[in-house]
Amino acid sequence: MILLNTDYITGKEVEMLGLVQGATIQSKHIGKDIGAALKSIVGGELYGYTEMMTQARNIATERMIEMAEKLNADAVINIRFATSSVLAGAAEVMAYGTAVKFK
């Protein structure tokens, strides 16, 4: 599966199949939340949250790919990510794009 954040594939003519998306909501356990709160006092990267968001993006992307595969897509173009806070320590990540088939 080809994944691109552009709205075209150089040298390929494509048929648009439709919007595909994948989403997940991730949270860290209370121990990492406390550690992050303490770290925010002195500043610096919150590694637990970086790890959580990386994992969430990967899950959302895989779910988007699964949806594209069900449409027999060859690629997903114009991929975007959206993030929103659900509650303290939990975030939703959505990956979405346009599934296409090569002509």
N, C-alpha and C. Protein backbone atom coordinates (compact mmCIF):
# COMPACT_ATOMS: atom_id res chain seq x y z
N MET A 1 0.85 -1.18 0.00
CA MET A 1 0.00 0.00 0.00
C MET A 1 0.89 1.24 0.00
N ILE A 2 0.66 2.11 -0.96
CA ILE A 2 1.39 3.37 -1.03
C ILE A 2 0.64 4.40 -0.19
N LEU A 3 1.36 5.10 0.68
CA LEU A 3 0.79 6.12 1.55
C LEU A 3 1.49 7.44 1.27
N LEU A 4 0.72 8.47 0.90
CA LEU A 4 1.29 9.78 0.56
C LEU A 4 0.47 10.91 1.16
N ASN A 5 1.15 12.02 1.43
CA ASN A 5 0.40 13.18 1.89
C ASN A 5 0.19 14.19 0.77
N THR A 6 0.48 13.79 -0.47
CA THR A 6 0.18 14.63 -1.63
C THR A 6 -1.14 14.16 -2.24
N ASP A 7 -1.71 14.98 -3.11
CA ASP A 7 -3.00 14.61 -3.71
C ASP A 7 -2.84 13.98 -5.10
N TYR A 8 -1.63 13.54 -5.41
CA TYR A 8 -1.37 12.88 -6.70
C TYR A 8 -0.19 11.92 -6.53
N ILE A 9 -0.04 11.04 -7.50
CA ILE A 9 1.11 10.14 -7.55
C ILE A 9 1.75 10.35 -8.91
N THR A 10 2.97 10.84 -8.93
CA THR A 10 3.66 11.16 -10.17
C THR A 10 3.67 9.95 -11.10
N GLY A 11 3.23 10.18 -12.34
CA GLY A 11 3.25 9.13 -13.35
C GLY A 11 2.11 8.14 -13.26
N LYS A 12 1.18 8.34 -12.35
CA LYS A 12 0.06 7.41 -12.20
C LYS A 12 -1.27 8.14 -12.40
N GLU A 13 -2.15 7.49 -13.13
CA GLU A 13 -3.52 7.98 -13.24
C GLU A 13 -4.34 7.15 -12.26
N VAL A 14 -5.14 7.83 -11.43
CA VAL A 14 -5.85 7.13 -10.38
C VAL A 14 -7.35 7.34 -10.45
N GLU A 15 -8.06 6.36 -9.94
CA GLU A 15 -9.50 6.46 -9.75
C GLU A 15 -9.73 6.59 -8.25
N MET A 16 -10.45 7.62 -7.84
CA MET A 16 -10.71 7.83 -6.42
C MET A 16 -11.81 6.88 -5.96
N LEU A 17 -11.54 6.19 -4.85
CA LEU A 17 -12.51 5.24 -4.30
C LEU A 17 -13.29 5.82 -3.14
N GLY A 18 -12.71 6.79 -2.45
CA GLY A 18 -13.42 7.42 -1.34
C GLY A 18 -12.54 7.66 -0.13
N LEU A 19 -13.13 8.29 0.84
CA LEU A 19 -12.46 8.63 2.09
C LEU A 19 -12.27 7.38 2.93
N VAL A 20 -11.08 7.23 3.48
CA VAL A 20 -10.81 6.16 4.43
C VAL A 20 -10.23 6.79 5.68
N GLN A 21 -10.52 6.18 6.82
CA GLN A 21 -10.02 6.73 8.08
C GLN A 21 -9.84 5.63 9.10
N GLY A 22 -9.02 5.94 10.08
CA GLY A 22 -8.80 5.06 11.22
C GLY A 22 -8.59 5.92 12.43
N ALA A 23 -9.03 5.46 13.58
CA ALA A 23 -8.91 6.27 14.80
C ALA A 23 -8.66 5.38 16.00
N THR A 24 -8.11 5.99 17.04
CA THR A 24 -7.92 5.32 18.32
C THR A 24 -7.90 6.38 19.41
N ILE A 25 -8.24 5.96 20.60
CA ILE A 25 -8.10 6.82 21.78
C ILE A 25 -7.14 6.10 22.71
N GLN A 26 -6.08 6.80 23.10
CA GLN A 26 -5.04 6.21 23.94
C GLN A 26 -4.92 7.01 25.23
N SER A 27 -4.52 6.31 26.28
CA SER A 27 -4.25 6.99 27.55
C SER A 27 -3.06 6.32 28.21
N LYS A 28 -2.43 7.03 29.11
CA LYS A 28 -1.33 6.50 29.90
C LYS A 28 -1.86 6.13 31.27
N HIS A 29 -1.20 5.16 31.91
CA HIS A 29 -1.65 4.78 33.25
C HIS A 29 -1.27 5.86 34.26
N ILE A 30 -1.86 5.81 35.41
CA ILE A 30 -1.74 6.86 36.43
C ILE A 30 -0.29 7.12 36.84
N GLY A 31 0.54 6.08 36.89
CA GLY A 31 1.95 6.26 37.26
C GLY A 31 2.68 7.16 36.28
N LYS A 32 2.44 6.96 34.99
CA LYS A 32 3.09 7.80 33.98
C LYS A 32 2.49 9.21 33.99
N ASP A 33 1.20 9.32 34.32
CA ASP A 33 0.56 10.64 34.43
C ASP A 33 1.21 11.45 35.54
N ILE A 34 1.47 10.82 36.67
CA ILE A 34 2.11 11.51 37.80
C ILE A 34 3.52 11.93 37.41
N GLY A 35 4.26 11.04 36.76
CA GLY A 35 5.61 11.36 36.30
C GLY A 35 5.61 12.51 35.32
N ALA A 36 4.63 12.54 34.41
CA ALA A 36 4.54 13.63 33.43
C ALA A 36 4.22 14.95 34.12
N ALA A 37 3.35 14.89 35.13
CA ALA A 37 3.00 16.11 35.85
C ALA A 37 4.22 16.68 36.56
N LEU A 38 5.03 15.83 37.16
CA LEU A 38 6.26 16.28 37.82
C LEU A 38 7.26 16.82 36.80
N LYS A 39 7.38 16.16 35.67
CA LYS A 39 8.31 16.60 34.63
C LYS A 39 7.90 17.96 34.09
N SER A 40 6.61 18.22 34.01
CA SER A 40 6.14 19.50 33.46
C SER A 40 6.53 20.68 34.35
N ILE A 41 6.86 20.42 35.61
CA ILE A 41 7.30 21.49 36.52
C ILE A 41 8.67 22.01 36.10
N VAL A 42 9.57 21.09 35.73
CA VAL A 42 10.93 21.49 35.37
C VAL A 42 11.13 21.65 33.86
N GLY A 43 10.18 21.17 33.08
CA GLY A 43 10.27 21.30 31.63
C GLY A 43 10.95 20.12 30.98
N GLY A 44 10.81 20.02 29.69
CA GLY A 44 11.43 18.94 28.93
C GLY A 44 10.40 18.05 28.29
N GLU A 45 10.88 17.13 27.49
CA GLU A 45 9.99 16.22 26.76
C GLU A 45 9.32 15.24 27.70
N LEU A 46 8.05 15.01 27.48
CA LEU A 46 7.29 14.02 28.24
C LEU A 46 7.32 12.72 27.44
N TYR A 47 8.36 11.92 27.68
CA TYR A 47 8.62 10.73 26.87
C TYR A 47 7.44 9.76 26.86
N GLY A 48 6.77 9.60 27.99
CA GLY A 48 5.62 8.69 28.04
C GLY A 48 4.52 9.12 27.09
N TYR A 49 4.30 10.42 26.99
CA TYR A 49 3.27 10.92 26.08
C TYR A 49 3.72 10.87 24.63
N THR A 50 5.01 11.10 24.39
CA THR A 50 5.53 10.97 23.03
C THR A 50 5.33 9.54 22.54
N GLU A 51 5.66 8.59 23.41
CA GLU A 51 5.48 7.17 23.09
C GLU A 51 4.00 6.85 22.84
N MET A 52 3.13 7.38 23.70
CA MET A 52 1.69 7.14 23.57
C MET A 52 1.17 7.67 22.23
N MET A 53 1.59 8.88 21.85
CA MET A 53 1.10 9.47 20.61
C MET A 53 1.67 8.76 19.38
N THR A 54 2.90 8.30 19.44
CA THR A 54 3.49 7.53 18.34
C THR A 54 2.71 6.24 18.14
N GLN A 55 2.42 5.56 19.23
CA GLN A 55 1.64 4.32 19.16
C GLN A 55 0.24 4.60 18.62
N ALA A 56 -0.39 5.67 19.07
CA ALA A 56 -1.73 6.01 18.61
C ALA A 56 -1.74 6.31 17.10
N ARG A 57 -0.75 7.06 16.61
CA ARG A 57 -0.67 7.34 15.17
C ARG A 57 -0.49 6.06 14.37
N ASN A 58 0.34 5.14 14.88
CA ASN A 58 0.55 3.87 14.19
C ASN A 58 -0.74 3.04 14.13
N ILE A 59 -1.47 2.99 15.21
CA ILE A 59 -2.74 2.23 15.24
C ILE A 59 -3.75 2.86 14.29
N ALA A 60 -3.88 4.19 14.34
CA ALA A 60 -4.83 4.89 13.46
C ALA A 60 -4.47 4.66 11.99
N THR A 61 -3.18 4.70 11.68
CA THR A 61 -2.74 4.48 10.29
C THR A 61 -3.06 3.06 9.85
N GLU A 62 -2.79 2.08 10.69
CA GLU A 62 -3.10 0.69 10.34
C GLU A 62 -4.60 0.49 10.10
N ARG A 63 -5.43 1.12 10.90
CA ARG A 63 -6.88 1.00 10.72
C ARG A 63 -7.33 1.67 9.43
N MET A 64 -6.69 2.79 9.07
CA MET A 64 -6.99 3.46 7.81
C MET A 64 -6.60 2.55 6.63
N ILE A 65 -5.44 1.92 6.73
CA ILE A 65 -4.98 1.00 5.68
C ILE A 65 -5.94 -0.17 5.54
N GLU A 66 -6.41 -0.74 6.65
CA GLU A 66 -7.37 -1.84 6.61
C GLU A 66 -8.64 -1.43 5.86
N MET A 67 -9.11 -0.21 6.10
CA MET A 67 -10.31 0.28 5.41
C MET A 67 -10.03 0.42 3.91
N ALA A 68 -8.85 0.91 3.56
CA ALA A 68 -8.48 1.06 2.14
C ALA A 68 -8.37 -0.31 1.46
N GLU A 69 -7.82 -1.28 2.17
CA GLU A 69 -7.69 -2.62 1.60
C GLU A 69 -9.05 -3.25 1.31
N LYS A 70 -10.04 -2.95 2.15
CA LYS A 70 -11.39 -3.46 1.91
C LYS A 70 -11.98 -2.89 0.63
N LEU A 71 -11.49 -1.73 0.20
CA LEU A 71 -11.93 -1.11 -1.06
C LEU A 71 -11.04 -1.53 -2.23
N ASN A 72 -10.08 -2.43 -1.96
CA ASN A 72 -9.10 -2.86 -2.96
C ASN A 72 -8.27 -1.70 -3.50
N ALA A 73 -7.93 -0.76 -2.64
CA ALA A 73 -7.15 0.40 -3.04
C ALA A 73 -5.69 0.01 -3.25
N ASP A 74 -5.04 0.73 -4.15
CA ASP A 74 -3.60 0.57 -4.36
C ASP A 74 -2.80 1.56 -3.52
N ALA A 75 -3.46 2.65 -3.12
CA ALA A 75 -2.76 3.70 -2.37
C ALA A 75 -3.78 4.53 -1.60
N VAL A 76 -3.25 5.27 -0.63
CA VAL A 76 -4.04 6.30 0.05
C VAL A 76 -3.26 7.60 -0.11
N ILE A 77 -3.93 8.59 -0.67
CA ILE A 77 -3.27 9.88 -0.92
C ILE A 77 -3.90 10.95 -0.04
N ASN A 78 -3.20 12.08 0.03
CA ASN A 78 -3.68 13.23 0.80
C ASN A 78 -3.94 12.88 2.26
N ILE A 79 -3.03 12.10 2.84
CA ILE A 79 -3.19 11.64 4.22
C ILE A 79 -2.98 12.79 5.20
N ARG A 80 -3.85 12.84 6.18
CA ARG A 80 -3.77 13.84 7.25
C ARG A 80 -3.99 13.15 8.59
N PHE A 81 -3.51 13.79 9.64
CA PHE A 81 -3.73 13.32 11.00
C PHE A 81 -4.43 14.42 11.79
N ALA A 82 -5.33 14.03 12.65
CA ALA A 82 -6.01 14.97 13.54
C ALA A 82 -5.93 14.41 14.95
N THR A 83 -5.77 15.30 15.90
CA THR A 83 -5.65 14.90 17.30
C THR A 83 -6.58 15.76 18.14
N SER A 84 -7.21 15.14 19.11
CA SER A 84 -8.02 15.91 20.06
C SER A 84 -7.90 15.29 21.44
N SER A 85 -7.99 16.14 22.43
CA SER A 85 -7.94 15.68 23.81
C SER A 85 -9.33 15.19 24.21
N VAL A 86 -9.39 14.01 24.78
CA VAL A 86 -10.67 13.44 25.21
C VAL A 86 -10.90 13.75 26.69
N LEU A 87 -9.85 13.56 27.48
CA LEU A 87 -9.83 13.92 28.89
C LEU A 87 -8.38 14.02 29.30
N ALA A 88 -8.11 14.44 30.50
CA ALA A 88 -6.71 14.60 30.93
C ALA A 88 -5.97 13.28 30.79
N GLY A 89 -4.90 13.29 30.02
CA GLY A 89 -4.10 12.08 29.85
C GLY A 89 -4.57 11.14 28.77
N ALA A 90 -5.61 11.52 28.01
CA ALA A 90 -6.10 10.67 26.92
C ALA A 90 -6.32 11.52 25.68
N ALA A 91 -5.95 10.96 24.54
CA ALA A 91 -6.10 11.69 23.29
C ALA A 91 -6.62 10.78 22.20
N GLU A 92 -7.41 11.36 21.31
CA GLU A 92 -7.86 10.65 20.12
C GLU A 92 -6.95 11.06 18.97
N VAL A 93 -6.54 10.08 18.18
CA VAL A 93 -5.78 10.34 16.98
C VAL A 93 -6.55 9.74 15.82
N MET A 94 -6.73 10.52 14.75
CA MET A 94 -7.40 10.04 13.56
C MET A 94 -6.47 10.23 12.37
N ALA A 95 -6.37 9.20 11.54
CA ALA A 95 -5.65 9.28 10.27
C ALA A 95 -6.71 9.15 9.18
N TYR A 96 -6.62 10.01 8.16
CA TYR A 96 -7.60 9.93 7.08
C TYR A 96 -6.97 10.36 5.76
N GLY A 97 -7.54 9.86 4.69
CA GLY A 97 -7.04 10.17 3.36
C GLY A 97 -8.00 9.65 2.30
N THR A 98 -7.58 9.74 1.05
CA THR A 98 -8.40 9.30 -0.07
C THR A 98 -7.83 8.00 -0.63
N ALA A 99 -8.63 6.96 -0.63
CA ALA A 99 -8.23 5.69 -1.20
C ALA A 99 -8.34 5.78 -2.72
N VAL A 100 -7.31 5.28 -3.41
CA VAL A 100 -7.30 5.33 -4.89
C VAL A 100 -6.88 4.00 -5.46
N LYS A 101 -7.30 3.77 -6.70
CA LYS A 101 -6.92 2.58 -7.46
C LYS A 101 -6.22 3.08 -8.72
N PHE A 102 -5.13 2.42 -9.11
CA PHE A 102 -4.43 2.79 -10.34
C PHE A 102 -5.24 2.36 -11.56
N LYS A 103 -5.27 3.23 -12.57
CA LYS A 103 -5.98 2.89 -13.82
C LYS A 103 -5.06 2.11 -14.72
